[in-house]
Amino acid sequence: MDKLSSMAVFVTAVDCGSFAAAADALSLSAPMVGKHVRQLEQDLGVTLLNRSTRRQSLTEVGRHYYERCKVVLAEVEMADAIARDSKQVAQGHLR
C-alpha cells in the first residue's frame, strides 16, 4: 500500500464517519479500509482513530494529521489538474 492511497482512505473514513461508509464510497471492503488506517498508524507509531464497534472518533494527533492530509491530497489533485491541462495547450510553432 502506498502512503498517499492510505491517506486518501483515512480522509474518506473520517469524512464518511465509518469504515463501512468509506468502503462504499471507495468501492473497497471495510476490512481493506481498516487495513489502510492500521498501516498508517503503524508507520507513524500513533493512534489516529479511537474505534469501537459502534463509532469512531479522531484522536488529537489524528485530527491534526487529518487536516494536513486534506491539504496534501488537495495539492496532489491540483498538480494532476495542472499536468492534465498542459496537454490541452497548443505547443510548437503555429502557422
Protein backbone atom coordinates (compact mmCIF):
# COMPACT_ATOMS: atom_id res chain seq x y z
CA MET A 1 0.00 0.00 0.00
CA ASP A 2 1.35 3.39 -0.85
CA LYS A 3 1.11 6.14 1.71
CA LEU A 4 -0.83 8.56 -0.49
CA SER A 5 -3.58 5.99 -1.09
CA SER A 6 -3.73 5.22 2.61
CA MET A 7 -4.00 8.92 3.39
CA ALA A 8 -6.90 9.24 0.95
CA VAL A 9 -8.65 6.25 2.52
CA PHE A 10 -8.10 7.71 6.01
CA VAL A 11 -9.58 11.09 4.99
CA THR A 12 -12.57 9.38 3.39
CA ALA A 13 -13.13 7.25 6.51
CA VAL A 14 -13.15 10.36 8.66
CA ASP A 15 -15.40 12.28 6.25
CA CYS A 16 -17.85 9.38 5.95
CA GLY A 17 -17.87 8.61 9.67
CA SER A 18 -17.25 4.88 9.40
CA PHE A 19 -15.12 2.31 7.66
CA ALA A 20 -18.22 0.75 6.08
CA ALA A 21 -19.37 4.05 4.58
CA ALA A 22 -15.84 4.81 3.37
CA ALA A 23 -15.66 1.33 1.84
CA ASP A 24 -18.86 2.02 -0.10
CA ALA A 25 -17.60 5.41 -1.26
CA LEU A 26 -14.26 3.98 -2.39
CA SER A 27 -15.51 0.63 -3.73
CA LEU A 28 -13.33 -1.23 -1.23
CA SER A 29 -14.14 -3.70 1.50
CA ALA A 30 -14.45 -2.41 5.06
CA PRO A 31 -11.54 -4.64 6.18
CA MET A 32 -9.35 -3.06 3.47
CA VAL A 33 -10.23 0.42 4.75
CA GLY A 34 -9.23 -0.74 8.22
CA LYS A 35 -6.00 -2.15 6.85
CA HIS A 36 -5.07 1.19 5.28
CA VAL A 37 -5.74 3.04 8.54
CA ARG A 38 -3.85 0.47 10.63
CA GLN A 39 -0.89 0.69 8.25
CA LEU A 40 -0.78 4.46 8.65
CA GLU A 41 -0.98 4.12 12.42
CA GLN A 42 1.78 1.53 12.42
CA ASP A 43 4.04 3.62 10.18
CA LEU A 44 3.50 6.72 12.32
CA GLY A 45 3.56 4.94 15.67
CA VAL A 46 0.41 6.72 16.85
CA THR A 47 -3.32 6.07 17.10
CA LEU A 48 -5.27 8.21 14.64
CA LEU A 49 -8.77 6.94 15.36
CA ASN A 50 -10.41 5.65 18.51
CA ARG A 51 -12.62 2.82 17.27
CA SER A 52 -15.40 0.82 18.85
CA THR A 53 -17.99 -1.45 17.30
CA ARG A 54 -20.45 1.43 17.15
CA ARG A 55 -18.43 4.54 16.37
CA GLN A 56 -15.08 6.09 15.63
CA SER A 57 -13.56 9.38 16.70
CA LEU A 58 -10.33 11.15 15.90
CA THR A 59 -7.59 11.37 18.47
CA GLU A 60 -5.91 14.74 18.90
CA VAL A 61 -2.99 13.58 16.74
CA GLY A 62 -5.49 12.11 14.27
CA ARG A 63 -7.28 15.45 13.96
CA HIS A 64 -4.03 17.27 13.11
CA TYR A 65 -2.98 14.50 10.72
CA TYR A 66 -6.41 14.58 9.03
CA GLU A 67 -6.15 18.34 8.43
CA ARG A 68 -2.66 18.03 6.91
CA CYS A 69 -3.72 15.04 4.79
CA LYS A 70 -6.54 17.10 3.29
CA VAL A 71 -4.01 19.78 2.29
CA VAL A 72 -1.60 17.24 0.82
CA LEU A 73 -4.34 15.50 -1.17
CA ALA A 74 -5.66 18.84 -2.46
CA GLU A 75 -2.15 19.77 -3.60
CA VAL A 76 -1.75 16.44 -5.39
CA GLU A 77 -5.08 16.94 -7.12
CA MET A 78 -4.04 20.45 -8.16
CA ALA A 79 -0.72 19.17 -9.54
CA ASP A 80 -2.57 16.48 -11.50
CA ALA A 81 -5.00 19.06 -12.89
CA ILE A 82 -2.16 21.33 -13.99
CA ALA A 83 -0.45 18.42 -15.74
CA ARG A 84 -3.69 17.37 -17.46
CA ASP A 85 -4.45 20.94 -18.55
CA SER A 86 -0.98 21.39 -20.02
CA LYS A 87 -1.79 18.72 -22.62
CA GLN A 88 -4.60 20.91 -23.94
CA VAL A 89 -2.43 23.96 -24.61
CA ALA A 90 -1.18 24.34 -28.16
CA GLN A 91 2.54 23.74 -28.38
CA GLY A 92 5.16 24.44 -31.00
CA HIS A 93 5.03 26.93 -33.88
CA LEU A 94 1.59 27.74 -35.19
CA ARG A 95 1.20 28.77 -38.85
